[in-house]
Amino acid sequence: AGESTPFDLVVSNSGSAPVRGLTLSANAPSGWTVTLEPEQIDELAPGQQVEVTANIQPAEKALTGDYVVTINARPEDGSSESVELRVTVTTSNLWGFAGVALIAVSVGVVGLAVSRFGRR
């Protein structure tokens, strides 16, 4: 959570005519940041491919789990194409370890008290 991760995408033209004025955009959960490099492709000839890097940064307070980020490609002719990416967010295990340590210390203190004072 909160760390930017780059994803490499390939945009290709499998048609028989060139695609002009291709604009790339992204839809992500609230609080997320997605930057695409490049955001604009002037022309994509038939059979041509262009590599695009999507830097996805989840929100600082994103919960652990799977999220969907949609990347959209819209040429100037009005058609569109999109792809959905499933992004898994992981968070630090520090609080889980702290909880287990707190329970272990509590059990140790109770055990020490019972052994020292006995059952009364």
PDB file of N, CA and C in Angstrom:
ATOM      1  N   ALA A   1       0.840  -1.181   0.000  1.00  0.00           N
ATOM      2  CA  ALA A   1       0.000   0.000   0.000  1.00  0.00           C
ATOM      3  C   ALA A   1       0.882   1.240   0.000  1.00  0.00           C
ATOM      4  N   GLY A   2       0.521   2.213  -0.833  1.00  0.00           N
ATOM      5  CA  GLY A   2       1.245   3.465  -0.878  1.00  0.00           C
ATOM      6  C   GLY A   2       2.497   3.464  -1.724  1.00  0.00           C
ATOM      7  N   GLU A   3       2.910   2.315  -2.268  1.00  0.00           N
ATOM      8  CA  GLU A   3       4.119   2.245  -3.076  1.00  0.00           C
ATOM      9  C   GLU A   3       3.757   2.114  -4.552  1.00  0.00           C
ATOM     10  N   SER A   4       4.475   2.852  -5.387  1.00  0.00           N
ATOM     11  CA  SER A   4       4.232   2.826  -6.822  1.00  0.00           C
ATOM     12  C   SER A   4       4.877   1.588  -7.442  1.00  0.00           C
ATOM     13  N   THR A   5       4.133   0.940  -8.353  1.00  0.00           N
ATOM     14  CA  THR A   5       4.635  -0.241  -9.054  1.00  0.00           C
ATOM     15  C   THR A   5       4.438  -0.046 -10.550  1.00  0.00           C
ATOM     16  N   PRO A   6       5.512  -0.225 -11.353  1.00  0.00           N
ATOM     17  CA  PRO A   6       5.354  -0.078 -12.801  1.00  0.00           C
ATOM     18  C   PRO A   6       4.860  -1.384 -13.440  1.00  0.00           C
ATOM     19  N   PHE A   7       3.960  -1.247 -14.408  1.00  0.00           N
ATOM     20  CA  PHE A   7       3.472  -2.359 -15.207  1.00  0.00           C
ATOM     21  C   PHE A   7       3.770  -2.037 -16.669  1.00  0.00           C
ATOM     22  N   ASP A   8       4.350  -2.980 -17.392  1.00  0.00           N
ATOM     23  CA  ASP A   8       4.625  -2.789 -18.809  1.00  0.00           C
ATOM     24  C   ASP A   8       3.472  -3.359 -19.615  1.00  0.00           C
ATOM     25  N   LEU A   9       2.902  -2.524 -20.482  1.00  0.00           N
ATOM     26  CA  LEU A   9       1.796  -2.916 -21.339  1.00  0.00           C
ATOM     27  C   LEU A   9       2.219  -2.751 -22.793  1.00  0.00           C
ATOM     28  N   VAL A  10       1.604  -3.530 -23.689  1.00  0.00           N
ATOM     29  CA  VAL A  10       1.861  -3.415 -25.119  1.00  0.00           C
ATOM     30  C   VAL A  10       0.555  -3.041 -25.802  1.00  0.00           C
ATOM     31  N   VAL A  11       0.572  -1.914 -26.507  1.00  0.00           N
ATOM     32  CA  VAL A  11      -0.573  -1.481 -27.303  1.00  0.00           C
ATOM     33  C   VAL A  11      -0.245  -1.820 -28.745  1.00  0.00           C
ATOM     34  N   SER A  12      -1.116  -2.594 -29.382  1.00  0.00           N
ATOM     35  CA  SER A  12      -0.847  -3.004 -30.760  1.00  0.00           C
ATOM     36  C   SER A  12      -2.056  -2.751 -31.642  1.00  0.00           C
ATOM     37  N   ASN A  13      -1.793  -2.599 -32.925  1.00  0.00           N
ATOM     38  CA  ASN A  13      -2.831  -2.398 -33.920  1.00  0.00           C
ATOM     39  C   ASN A  13      -2.901  -3.658 -34.773  1.00  0.00           C
ATOM     40  N   SER A  14      -3.943  -4.451 -34.555  1.00  0.00           N
ATOM     41  CA  SER A  14      -4.099  -5.694 -35.327  1.00  0.00           C
ATOM     42  C   SER A  14      -5.018  -5.497 -36.533  1.00  0.00           C
ATOM     43  N   GLY A  15      -5.431  -4.267 -36.782  1.00  0.00           N
ATOM     44  CA  GLY A  15      -6.311  -3.968 -37.911  1.00  0.00           C
ATOM     45  C   GLY A  15      -5.532  -3.736 -39.190  1.00  0.00           C
ATOM     46  N   SER A  16      -6.245  -3.267 -40.209  1.00  0.00           N
ATOM     47  CA  SER A  16      -5.617  -3.026 -41.508  1.00  0.00           C
ATOM     48  C   SER A  16      -5.454  -1.544 -41.813  1.00  0.00           C
ATOM     49  N   ALA A  17      -5.928  -0.668 -40.934  1.00  0.00           N
ATOM     50  CA  ALA A  17      -5.798   0.777 -41.120  1.00  0.00           C
ATOM     51  C   ALA A  17      -5.058   1.374 -39.926  1.00  0.00           C
ATOM     52  N   PRO A  18      -4.358   2.476 -40.160  1.00  0.00           N
ATOM     53  CA  PRO A  18      -3.661   3.103 -39.037  1.00  0.00           C
ATOM     54  C   PRO A  18      -4.647   3.699 -38.035  1.00  0.00           C
ATOM     55  N   VAL A  19      -4.242   3.717 -36.775  1.00  0.00           N
ATOM     56  CA  VAL A  19      -5.030   4.332 -35.703  1.00  0.00           C
ATOM     57  C   VAL A  19      -4.352   5.654 -35.378  1.00  0.00           C
ATOM     58  N   ARG A  20      -5.150   6.723 -35.384  1.00  0.00           N
ATOM     59  CA  ARG A  20      -4.599   8.063 -35.152  1.00  0.00           C
ATOM     60  C   ARG A  20      -5.178   8.665 -33.865  1.00  0.00           C
ATOM     61  N   GLY A  21      -4.348   9.461 -33.213  1.00  0.00           N
ATOM     62  CA  GLY A  21      -4.794  10.197 -32.031  1.00  0.00           C
ATOM     63  C   GLY A  21      -5.248   9.306 -30.892  1.00  0.00           C
ATOM     64  N   LEU A  22      -4.465   8.297 -30.570  1.00  0.00           N
ATOM     65  CA  LEU A  22      -4.822   7.340 -29.516  1.00  0.00           C
ATOM     66  C   LEU A  22      -4.506   7.950 -28.147  1.00  0.00           C
ATOM     67  N   THR A  23      -5.540   8.071 -27.316  1.00  0.00           N
ATOM     68  CA  THR A  23      -5.390   8.617 -25.969  1.00  0.00           C
ATOM     69  C   THR A  23      -5.590   7.499 -24.953  1.00  0.00           C
ATOM     70  N   LEU A  24      -4.653   7.380 -24.018  1.00  0.00           N
ATOM     71  CA  LEU A  24      -4.723   6.357 -22.971  1.00  0.00           C
ATOM     72  C   LEU A  24      -5.131   7.016 -21.658  1.00  0.00           C
ATOM     73  N   SER A  25      -6.014   6.345 -20.929  1.00  0.00           N
ATOM     74  CA  SER A  25      -6.444   6.829 -19.616  1.00  0.00           C
ATOM     75  C   SER A  25      -6.666   5.633 -18.705  1.00  0.00           C
ATOM     76  N   ALA A  26      -6.858   5.898 -17.419  1.00  0.00           N
ATOM     77  CA  ALA A  26      -7.031   4.822 -16.446  1.00  0.00           C
ATOM     78  C   ALA A  26      -8.136   5.170 -15.461  1.00  0.00           C
ATOM     79  N   ASN A  27      -8.872   4.152 -15.054  1.00  0.00           N
ATOM     80  CA  ASN A  27      -9.858   4.261 -13.979  1.00  0.00           C
ATOM     81  C   ASN A  27      -9.366   3.379 -12.839  1.00  0.00           C
ATOM     82  N   ALA A  28      -9.229   3.974 -11.669  1.00  0.00           N
ATOM     83  CA  ALA A  28      -8.705   3.246 -10.513  1.00  0.00           C
ATOM     84  C   ALA A  28      -9.564   3.567  -9.300  1.00  0.00           C
ATOM     85  N   PRO A  29      -9.432   2.770  -8.233  1.00  0.00           N
ATOM     86  CA  PRO A  29     -10.177   3.063  -7.001  1.00  0.00           C
ATOM     87  C   PRO A  29      -9.838   4.449  -6.453  1.00  0.00           C
ATOM     88  N   SER A  30     -10.715   4.952  -5.621  1.00  0.00           N
ATOM     89  CA  SER A  30     -10.561   6.284  -5.035  1.00  0.00           C
ATOM     90  C   SER A  30      -9.257   6.387  -4.244  1.00  0.00           C
ATOM     91  N   GLY A  31      -8.527   7.474  -4.466  1.00  0.00           N
ATOM     92  CA  GLY A  31      -7.283   7.708  -3.742  1.00  0.00           C
ATOM     93  C   GLY A  31      -6.057   7.127  -4.416  1.00  0.00           C
ATOM     94  N   TRP A  32      -6.233   6.386  -5.494  1.00  0.00           N
ATOM     95  CA  TRP A  32      -5.115   5.781  -6.208  1.00  0.00           C
ATOM     96  C   TRP A  32      -4.600   6.749  -7.261  1.00  0.00           C
ATOM     97  N   THR A  33      -3.322   6.595  -7.632  1.00  0.00           N
ATOM     98  CA  THR A  33      -2.715   7.394  -8.677  1.00  0.00           C
ATOM     99  C   THR A  33      -2.200   6.462  -9.769  1.00  0.00           C
ATOM    100  N   VAL A  34      -2.612   6.732 -11.013  1.00  0.00           N
ATOM    101  CA  VAL A  34      -2.139   5.952 -12.159  1.00  0.00           C
ATOM    102  C   VAL A  34      -1.587   6.924 -13.187  1.00  0.00           C
ATOM    103  N   THR A  35      -0.324   6.744 -13.564  1.00  0.00           N
ATOM    104  CA  THR A  35       0.276   7.555 -14.623  1.00  0.00           C
ATOM    105  C   THR A  35       0.685   6.628 -15.757  1.00  0.00           C
ATOM    106  N   LEU A  36       0.424   7.065 -16.981  1.00  0.00           N
ATOM    107  CA  LEU A  36       0.734   6.283 -18.170  1.00  0.00           C
ATOM    108  C   LEU A  36       1.787   7.020 -18.993  1.00  0.00           C
ATOM    109  N   GLU A  37       2.798   6.300 -19.446  1.00  0.00           N
ATOM    110  CA  GLU A  37       3.852   6.874 -20.280  1.00  0.00           C
ATOM    111  C   GLU A  37       3.995   6.045 -21.538  1.00  0.00           C
ATOM    112  N   PRO A  38       3.692   6.527 -22.687  1.00  0.00           N
ATOM    113  CA  PRO A  38       3.096   7.818 -23.012  1.00  0.00           C
ATOM    114  C   PRO A  38       1.581   7.782 -22.849  1.00  0.00           C
ATOM    115  N   GLU A  39       0.982   8.949 -22.644  1.00  0.00           N
ATOM    116  CA  GLU A  39      -0.479   9.053 -22.548  1.00  0.00           C
ATOM    117  C   GLU A  39      -1.119   9.216 -23.921  1.00  0.00           C
ATOM    118  N   GLN A  40      -0.350   9.681 -24.889  1.00  0.00           N
ATOM    119  CA  GLN A  40      -0.857   9.963 -26.226  1.00  0.00           C
ATOM    120  C   GLN A  40       0.038   9.275 -27.254  1.00  0.00           C
ATOM    121  N   ILE A  41      -0.578   8.578 -28.212  1.00  0.00           N
ATOM    122  CA  ILE A  41       0.148   7.978 -29.326  1.00  0.00           C
ATOM    123  C   ILE A  41      -0.438   8.602 -30.589  1.00  0.00           C
ATOM    124  N   ASP A  42       0.401   9.337 -31.333  1.00  0.00           N
ATOM    125  CA  ASP A  42      -0.086  10.072 -32.498  1.00  0.00           C
ATOM    126  C   ASP A  42      -0.616   9.150 -33.585  1.00  0.00           C
ATOM    127  N   GLU A  43       0.158   8.112 -33.921  1.00  0.00           N
ATOM    128  CA  GLU A  43      -0.285   7.188 -34.967  1.00  0.00           C
ATOM    129  C   GLU A  43       0.286   5.801 -34.699  1.00  0.00           C
ATOM    130  N   LEU A  44      -0.562   4.803 -34.915  1.00  0.00           N
ATOM    131  CA  LEU A  44      -0.166   3.413 -34.736  1.00  0.00           C
ATOM    132  C   LEU A  44      -0.508   2.680 -36.026  1.00  0.00           C
ATOM    133  N   ALA A  45       0.531   2.334 -36.791  1.00  0.00           N
ATOM    134  CA  ALA A  45       0.348   1.687 -38.093  1.00  0.00           C
ATOM    135  C   ALA A  45      -0.128   0.245 -37.911  1.00  0.00           C
ATOM    136  N   PRO A  46      -0.726  -0.348 -38.934  1.00  0.00           N
ATOM    137  CA  PRO A  46      -1.150  -1.751 -38.842  1.00  0.00           C
ATOM    138  C   PRO A  46       0.026  -2.666 -38.517  1.00  0.00           C
ATOM    139  N   GLY A  47      -0.152  -3.533 -37.538  1.00  0.00           N
ATOM    140  CA  GLY A  47       0.901  -4.467 -37.129  1.00  0.00           C
ATOM    141  C   GLY A  47       1.937  -3.869 -36.194  1.00  0.00           C
ATOM    142  N   GLN A  48       1.867  -2.582 -35.921  1.00  0.00           N
ATOM    143  CA  GLN A  48       2.842  -1.920 -35.063  1.00  0.00           C
ATOM    144  C   GLN A  48       2.460  -2.082 -33.594  1.00  0.00           C
ATOM    145  N   GLN A  49       3.488  -2.093 -32.734  1.00  0.00           N
ATOM    146  CA  GLN A  49       3.289  -2.190 -31.287  1.00  0.00           C
ATOM    147  C   GLN A  49       4.036  -1.060 -30.599  1.00  0.00           C
ATOM    148  N   VAL A  50       3.459  -0.576 -29.505  1.00  0.00           N
ATOM    149  CA  VAL A  50       4.097   0.455 -28.696  1.00  0.00           C
ATOM    150  C   VAL A  50       4.039  -0.002 -27.245  1.00  0.00           C
ATOM    151  N   GLU A  51       5.185   0.097 -26.559  1.00  0.00           N
ATOM    152  CA  GLU A  51       5.209  -0.257 -25.136  1.00  0.00           C
ATOM    153  C   GLU A  51       4.787   0.949 -24.305  1.00  0.00           C
ATOM    154  N   VAL A  52       3.911   0.694 -23.348  1.00  0.00           N
ATOM    155  CA  VAL A  52       3.401   1.726 -22.445  1.00  0.00           C
ATOM    156  C   VAL A  52       3.685   1.273 -21.023  1.00  0.00           C
ATOM    157  N   THR A  53       4.147   2.199 -20.199  1.00  0.00           N
ATOM    158  CA  THR A  53       4.391   1.900 -18.788  1.00  0.00           C
ATOM    159  C   THR A  53       3.295   2.551 -17.955  1.00  0.00           C
ATOM    160  N   ALA A  54       2.635   1.736 -17.146  1.00  0.00           N
ATOM    161  CA  ALA A  54       1.604   2.228 -16.229  1.00  0.00           C
ATOM    162  C   ALA A  54       2.171   2.157 -14.814  1.00  0.00           C
ATOM    163  N   ASN A  55       2.358   3.311 -14.184  1.00  0.00           N
ATOM    164  CA  ASN A  55       2.796   3.359 -12.787  1.00  0.00           C
ATOM    165  C   ASN A  55       1.553   3.465 -11.914  1.00  0.00           C
ATOM    166  N   ILE A  56       1.312   2.433 -11.120  1.00  0.00           N
ATOM    167  CA  ILE A  56       0.113   2.372 -10.285  1.00  0.00           C
ATOM    168  C   ILE A  56       0.526   2.494  -8.828  1.00  0.00           C
ATOM    169  N   GLN A  57      -0.065   3.483  -8.145  1.00  0.00           N
ATOM    170  CA  GLN A  57       0.218   3.696  -6.724  1.00  0.00           C
ATOM    171  C   GLN A  57      -1.086   3.642  -5.942  1.00  0.00           C
ATOM    172  N   PRO A  58      -1.267   2.591  -5.130  1.00  0.00           N
ATOM    173  CA  PRO A  58      -2.467   2.512  -4.287  1.00  0.00           C
ATOM    174  C   PRO A  58      -2.464   3.609  -3.225  1.00  0.00           C
ATOM    175  N   ALA A  59      -3.626   3.855  -2.657  1.00  0.00           N
ATOM    176  CA  ALA A  59      -3.748   4.832  -1.574  1.00  0.00           C
ATOM    177  C   ALA A  59      -2.936   4.359  -0.366  1.00  0.00           C
ATOM    178  N   GLU A  60      -2.472   5.315   0.433  1.00  0.00           N
ATOM    179  CA  GLU A  60      -1.693   4.983   1.632  1.00  0.00           C
ATOM    180  C   GLU A  60      -2.462   4.069   2.578  1.00  0.00           C
ATOM    181  N   LYS A  61      -3.774   4.267   2.691  1.00  0.00           N
ATOM    182  CA  LYS A  61      -4.583   3.494   3.627  1.00  0.00           C
ATOM    183  C   LYS A  61      -5.363   2.383   2.939  1.00  0.00           C
ATOM    184  N   ALA A  62      -4.893   1.921   1.779  1.00  0.00           N
ATOM    185  CA  ALA A  62      -5.573   0.835   1.071  1.00  0.00           C
ATOM    186  C   ALA A  62      -5.482  -0.449   1.899  1.00  0.00           C
ATOM    187  N   LEU A  63      -6.584  -1.153   1.982  1.00  0.00           N
ATOM    188  CA  LEU A  63      -6.614  -2.417   2.714  1.00  0.00           C
ATOM    189  C   LEU A  63      -6.039  -3.525   1.859  1.00  0.00           C
ATOM    190  N   THR A  64      -5.542  -4.565   2.505  1.00  0.00           N
ATOM    191  CA  THR A  64      -5.021  -5.713   1.781  1.00  0.00           C
ATOM    192  C   THR A  64      -6.149  -6.353   0.981  1.00  0.00           C
ATOM    193  N   GLY A  65      -5.859  -6.672  -0.280  1.00  0.00           N
ATOM    194  CA  GLY A  65      -6.862  -7.318  -1.114  1.00  0.00           C
ATOM    195  C   GLY A  65      -6.613  -7.076  -2.586  1.00  0.00           C
ATOM    196  N   ASP A  66      -7.550  -7.535  -3.411  1.00  0.00           N
ATOM    197  CA  ASP A  66      -7.462  -7.392  -4.864  1.00  0.00           C
ATOM    198  C   ASP A  66      -8.336  -6.231  -5.315  1.00  0.00           C
ATOM    199  N   TYR A  67      -7.803  -5.448  -6.244  1.00  0.00           N
ATOM    200  CA  TYR A  67      -8.502  -4.299  -6.803  1.00  0.00           C
ATOM    201  C   TYR A  67      -8.421  -4.361  -8.323  1.00  0.00           C
ATOM    202  N   VAL A  68      -9.331  -3.674  -9.006  1.00  0.00           N
ATOM    203  CA  VAL A  68      -9.341  -3.648 -10.467  1.00  0.00           C
ATOM    204  C   VAL A  68      -9.003  -2.243 -10.943  1.00  0.00           C
ATOM    205  N   VAL A  69      -8.026  -2.168 -11.850  1.00  0.00           N
ATOM    206  CA  VAL A  69      -7.656  -0.926 -12.514  1.00  0.00           C
ATOM    207  C   VAL A  69      -7.940  -1.124 -13.997  1.00  0.00           C
ATOM    208  N   THR A  70      -8.693  -0.212 -14.600  1.00  0.00           N
ATOM    209  CA  THR A  70      -9.050  -0.315 -16.007  1.00  0.00           C
ATOM    210  C   THR A  70      -8.233   0.685 -16.816  1.00  0.00           C
ATOM    211  N   ILE A  71      -7.569   0.190 -17.869  1.00  0.00           N
ATOM    212  CA  ILE A  71      -6.817   1.034 -18.780  1.00  0.00           C
ATOM    213  C   ILE A  71      -7.641   1.158 -20.060  1.00  0.00           C
ATOM    214  N   ASN A  72      -7.918   2.401 -20.484  1.00  0.00           N
ATOM    215  CA  ASN A  72      -8.737   2.659 -21.667  1.00  0.00           C
ATOM    216  C   ASN A  72      -7.882   3.255 -22.777  1.00  0.00           C
ATOM    217  N   ALA A  73      -8.173   2.841 -24.023  1.00  0.00           N
ATOM    218  CA  ALA A  73      -7.519   3.404 -25.210  1.00  0.00           C
ATOM    219  C   ALA A  73      -8.614   3.914 -26.133  1.00  0.00           C
ATOM    220  N   ARG A  74      -8.556   5.223 -26.453  1.00  0.00           N
ATOM    221  CA  ARG A  74      -9.580   5.839 -27.313  1.00  0.00           C
ATOM    222  C   ARG A  74      -8.896   6.585 -28.455  1.00  0.00           C
ATOM    223  N   PRO A  75      -9.090   6.099 -29.694  1.00  0.00           N
ATOM    224  CA  PRO A  75      -8.578   6.858 -30.840  1.00  0.00           C
ATOM    225  C   PRO A  75      -9.524   8.003 -31.180  1.00  0.00           C
ATOM    226  N   GLU A  76      -9.083   8.868 -32.078  1.00  0.00           N
ATOM    227  CA  GLU A  76      -9.898  10.037 -32.420  1.00  0.00           C
ATOM    228  C   GLU A  76     -11.158   9.681 -33.198  1.00  0.00           C
ATOM    229  N   ASP A  77     -11.273   8.456 -33.724  1.00  0.00           N
ATOM    230  CA  ASP A  77     -12.480   8.085 -34.476  1.00  0.00           C
ATOM    231  C   ASP A  77     -13.664   7.739 -33.570  1.00  0.00           C
ATOM    232  N   GLY A  78     -13.463   7.732 -32.244  1.00  0.00           N
ATOM    233  CA  GLY A  78     -14.566   7.539 -31.314  1.00  0.00           C
ATOM    234  C   GLY A  78     -14.718   6.133 -30.766  1.00  0.00           C
ATOM    235  N   SER A  79     -14.071   5.137 -31.343  1.00  0.00           N
ATOM    236  CA  SER A  79     -14.152   3.781 -30.793  1.00  0.00           C
ATOM    237  C   SER A  79     -13.283   3.702 -29.540  1.00  0.00           C
ATOM    238  N   SER A  80     -13.388   2.603 -28.824  1.00  0.00           N
ATOM    239  CA  SER A  80     -12.552   2.470 -27.627  1.00  0.00           C
ATOM    240  C   SER A  80     -12.291   0.996 -27.336  1.00  0.00           C
ATOM    241  N   GLU A  81     -11.253   0.777 -26.579  1.00  0.00           N
ATOM    242  CA  GLU A  81     -10.874  -0.567 -26.138  1.00  0.00           C
ATOM    243  C   GLU A  81     -10.345  -0.413 -24.718  1.00  0.00           C
ATOM    244  N   SER A  82     -10.561  -1.423 -23.899  1.00  0.00           N
ATOM    245  CA  SER A  82     -10.069  -1.341 -22.521  1.00  0.00           C
ATOM    246  C   SER A  82      -9.568  -2.699 -22.062  1.00  0.00           C
ATOM    247  N   VAL A  83      -8.749  -2.665 -21.030  1.00  0.00           N
ATOM    248  CA  VAL A  83      -8.238  -3.878 -20.403  1.00  0.00           C
ATOM    249  C   VAL A  83      -8.310  -3.668 -18.898  1.00  0.00           C
ATOM    250  N   GLU A  84      -8.691  -4.718 -18.183  1.00  0.00           N
ATOM    251  CA  GLU A  84      -8.766  -4.643 -16.729  1.00  0.00           C
ATOM    252  C   GLU A  84      -7.569  -5.368 -16.124  1.00  0.00           C
ATOM    253  N   LEU A  85      -6.903  -4.705 -15.205  1.00  0.00           N
ATOM    254  CA  LEU A  85      -5.774  -5.291 -14.478  1.00  0.00           C
ATOM    255  C   LEU A  85      -6.212  -5.570 -13.050  1.00  0.00           C
ATOM    256  N   ARG A  86      -5.917  -6.757 -12.568  1.00  0.00           N
ATOM    257  CA  ARG A  86      -6.185  -7.077 -11.168  1.00  0.00           C
ATOM    258  C   ARG A  86      -4.908  -6.801 -10.396  1.00  0.00           C
ATOM    259  N   VAL A  87      -5.001  -5.894  -9.441  1.00  0.00           N
ATOM    260  CA  VAL A  87      -3.849  -5.475  -8.647  1.00  0.00           C
ATOM    261  C   VAL A  87      -4.054  -5.961  -7.223  1.00  0.00           C
ATOM    262  N   THR A  88      -3.072  -6.682  -6.703  1.00  0.00           N
ATOM    263  CA  THR A  88      -3.131  -7.177  -5.331  1.00  0.00           C
ATOM    264  C   THR A  88      -2.322  -6.247  -4.435  1.00  0.00           C
ATOM    265  N   VAL A  89      -2.959  -5.740  -3.404  1.00  0.00           N
ATOM    266  CA  VAL A  89      -2.303  -4.848  -2.443  1.00  0.00           C
ATOM    267  C   VAL A  89      -1.978  -5.648  -1.191  1.00  0.00           C
ATOM    268  N   THR A  90      -0.745  -5.518  -0.746  1.00  0.00           N
ATOM    269  CA  THR A  90      -0.346  -6.146   0.515  1.00  0.00           C
ATOM    270  C   THR A  90       0.095  -5.031   1.465  1.00  0.00           C
ATOM    271  N   THR A  91      -0.092  -5.251   2.729  1.00  0.00           N
ATOM    272  CA  THR A  91       0.321  -4.282   3.740  1.00  0.00           C
ATOM    273  C   THR A  91       1.326  -4.943   4.670  1.00  0.00           C
ATOM    274  N   SER A  92       1.921  -4.154   5.519  1.00  0.00           N
ATOM    275  CA  SER A  92       2.929  -4.641   6.446  1.00  0.00           C
ATOM    276  C   SER A  92       2.317  -5.616   7.452  1.00  0.00           C
ATOM    277  N   ASN A  93       3.083  -6.640   7.809  1.00  0.00           N
ATOM    278  CA  ASN A  93       2.664  -7.613   8.820  1.00  0.00           C
ATOM    279  C   ASN A  93       3.097  -7.200  10.223  1.00  0.00           C
ATOM    280  N   LEU A  94       3.610  -5.993  10.362  1.00  0.00           N
ATOM    281  CA  LEU A  94       4.149  -5.528  11.639  1.00  0.00           C
ATOM    282  C   LEU A  94       3.110  -5.584  12.749  1.00  0.00           C
ATOM    283  N   TRP A  95       1.870  -5.119  12.480  1.00  0.00           N
ATOM    284  CA  TRP A  95       0.851  -5.116  13.530  1.00  0.00           C
ATOM    285  C   TRP A  95       0.424  -6.525  13.900  1.00  0.00           C
ATOM    286  N   GLY A  96       0.455  -7.449  12.966  1.00  0.00           N
ATOM    287  CA  GLY A  96       0.151  -8.844  13.292  1.00  0.00           C
ATOM    288  C   GLY A  96       1.197  -9.436  14.228  1.00  0.00           C
ATOM    289  N   PHE A  97       2.473  -9.169  13.935  1.00  0.00           N
ATOM    290  CA  PHE A  97       3.545  -9.648  14.807  1.00  0.00           C
ATOM    291  C   PHE A  97       3.486  -8.983  16.173  1.00  0.00           C
ATOM    292  N   ALA A  98       3.147  -7.707  16.213  1.00  0.00           N
ATOM    293  CA  ALA A  98       3.028  -7.001  17.495  1.00  0.00           C
ATOM    294  C   ALA A  98       1.901  -7.603  18.336  1.00  0.00           C
ATOM    295  N   GLY A  99       0.787  -7.969  17.710  1.00  0.00           N
ATOM    296  CA  GLY A  99      -0.328  -8.592  18.430  1.00  0.00           C
ATOM    297  C   GLY A  99       0.049  -9.942  19.003  1.00  0.00           C
ATOM    298  N   VAL A 100       0.762 -10.764  18.208  1.00  0.00           N
ATOM    299  CA  VAL A 100       1.200 -12.076  18.687  1.00  0.00           C
ATOM    300  C   VAL A 100       2.187 -11.908  19.843  1.00  0.00           C
ATOM    301  N   ALA A 101       3.088 -10.938  19.743  1.00  0.00           N
ATOM    302  CA  ALA A 101       4.054 -10.690  20.822  1.00  0.00           C
ATOM    303  C   ALA A 101       3.341 -10.238  22.090  1.00  0.00           C
ATOM    304  N   LEU A 102       2.327  -9.391  21.958  1.00  0.00           N
ATOM    305  CA  LEU A 102       1.569  -8.927  23.125  1.00  0.00           C
ATOM    306  C   LEU A 102       0.852 -10.087  23.807  1.00  0.00           C
ATOM    307  N   ILE A 103       0.275 -10.987  23.042  1.00  0.00           N
ATOM    308  CA  ILE A 103      -0.393 -12.164  23.614  1.00  0.00           C
ATOM    309  C   ILE A 103       0.621 -13.058  24.322  1.00  0.00           C
ATOM    310  N   ALA A 104       1.786 -13.253  23.704  1.00  0.00           N
ATOM    311  CA  ALA A 104       2.817 -14.099  24.317  1.00  0.00           C
ATOM    312  C   ALA A 104       3.297 -13.496  25.641  1.00  0.00           C
ATOM    313  N   VAL A 105       3.490 -12.199  25.676  1.00  0.00           N
ATOM    314  CA  VAL A 105       3.918 -11.540  26.920  1.00  0.00           C
ATOM    315  C   VAL A 105       2.837 -11.681  27.985  1.00  0.00           C
ATOM    316  N   SER A 106       1.572 -11.520  27.607  1.00  0.00           N
ATOM    317  CA  SER A 106       0.462 -11.646  28.569  1.00  0.00           C
ATOM    318  C   SER A 106       0.398 -13.044  29.153  1.00  0.00           C
ATOM    319  N   VAL A 107       0.541 -14.063  28.309  1.00  0.00           N
ATOM    320  CA  VAL A 107       0.528 -15.453  28.792  1.00  0.00           C
ATOM    321  C   VAL A 107       1.723 -15.691  29.715  1.00  0.00           C
ATOM    322  N   GLY A 108       2.872 -15.135  29.365  1.00  0.00           N
ATOM    323  CA  GLY A 108       4.060 -15.279  30.207  1.00  0.00           C
ATOM    324  C   GLY A 108       3.873 -14.641  31.572  1.00  0.00           C
ATOM    325  N   VAL A 109       3.281 -13.460  31.625  1.00  0.00           N
ATOM    326  CA  VAL A 109       3.048 -12.773  32.902  1.00  0.00           C
ATOM    327  C   VAL A 109       2.075 -13.570  33.760  1.00  0.00           C
ATOM    328  N   VAL A 110       0.992 -14.068  33.173  1.00  0.00           N
ATOM    329  CA  VAL A 110       0.029 -14.878  33.929  1.00  0.00           C
ATOM    330  C   VAL A 110       0.695 -16.154  34.423  1.00  0.00           C
ATOM    331  N   GLY A 111       1.482 -16.810  33.580  1.00  0.00           N
ATOM    332  CA  GLY A 111       2.195 -18.026  33.990  1.00  0.00           C
ATOM    333  C   GLY A 111       3.167 -17.761  35.122  1.00  0.00           C
ATOM    334  N   LEU A 112       3.888 -16.652  35.071  1.00  0.00           N
ATOM    335  CA  LEU A 112       4.826 -16.280  36.130  1.00  0.00           C
ATOM    336  C   LEU A 112       4.085 -15.996  37.437  1.00  0.00           C
ATOM    337  N   ALA A 113       2.964 -15.312  37.354  1.00  0.00           N
ATOM    338  CA  ALA A 113       2.188 -15.019  38.563  1.00  0.00           C
ATOM    339  C   ALA A 113       1.659 -16.294  39.199  1.00  0.00           C
ATOM    340  N   VAL A 114       1.162 -17.234  38.404  1.00  0.00           N
ATOM    341  CA  VAL A 114       0.634 -18.495  38.952  1.00  0.00           C
ATOM    342  C   VAL A 114       1.758 -19.318  39.577  1.00  0.00           C
ATOM    343  N   SER A 115       2.927 -19.363  38.939  1.00  0.00           N
ATOM    344  CA  SER A 115       4.025 -20.168  39.486  1.00  0.00           C
ATOM    345  C   SER A 115       4.607 -19.514  40.759  1.00  0.00           C
ATOM    346  N   ARG A 116       4.601 -18.223  40.826  1.00  0.00           N
ATOM    347  CA  ARG A 116       5.176 -17.551  41.987  1.00  0.00           C
ATOM    348  C   ARG A 116       4.230 -17.552  43.175  1.00  0.00           C
ATOM    349  N   PHE A 117       2.955 -17.265  42.949  1.00  0.00           N
ATOM    350  CA  PHE A 117       2.014 -17.175  44.039  1.00  0.00           C
ATOM    351  C   PHE A 117       1.169 -18.424  44.225  1.00  0.00           C
ATOM    352  N   GLY A 118       1.229 -19.294  43.265  1.00  0.00           N
ATOM    353  CA  GLY A 118       0.450 -20.532  43.359  1.00  0.00           C
ATOM    354  C   GLY A 118      -1.031 -20.268  43.233  1.00  0.00           C
ATOM    355  N   ARG A 119      -1.779 -21.358  43.297  1.00  0.00           N
ATOM    356  CA  ARG A 119      -3.237 -21.229  43.242  1.00  0.00           C
ATOM    357  C   ARG A 119      -3.760 -21.030  44.649  1.00  0.00           C
ATOM    358  N   ARG A 120      -4.549 -20.046  44.890  1.00  0.00           N
ATOM    359  CA  ARG A 120      -5.072 -19.795  46.230  1.00  0.00           C
ATOM    360  C   ARG A 120      -6.547 -19.791  46.223  1.00  0.00           C
TER     361      ARG A 120
END
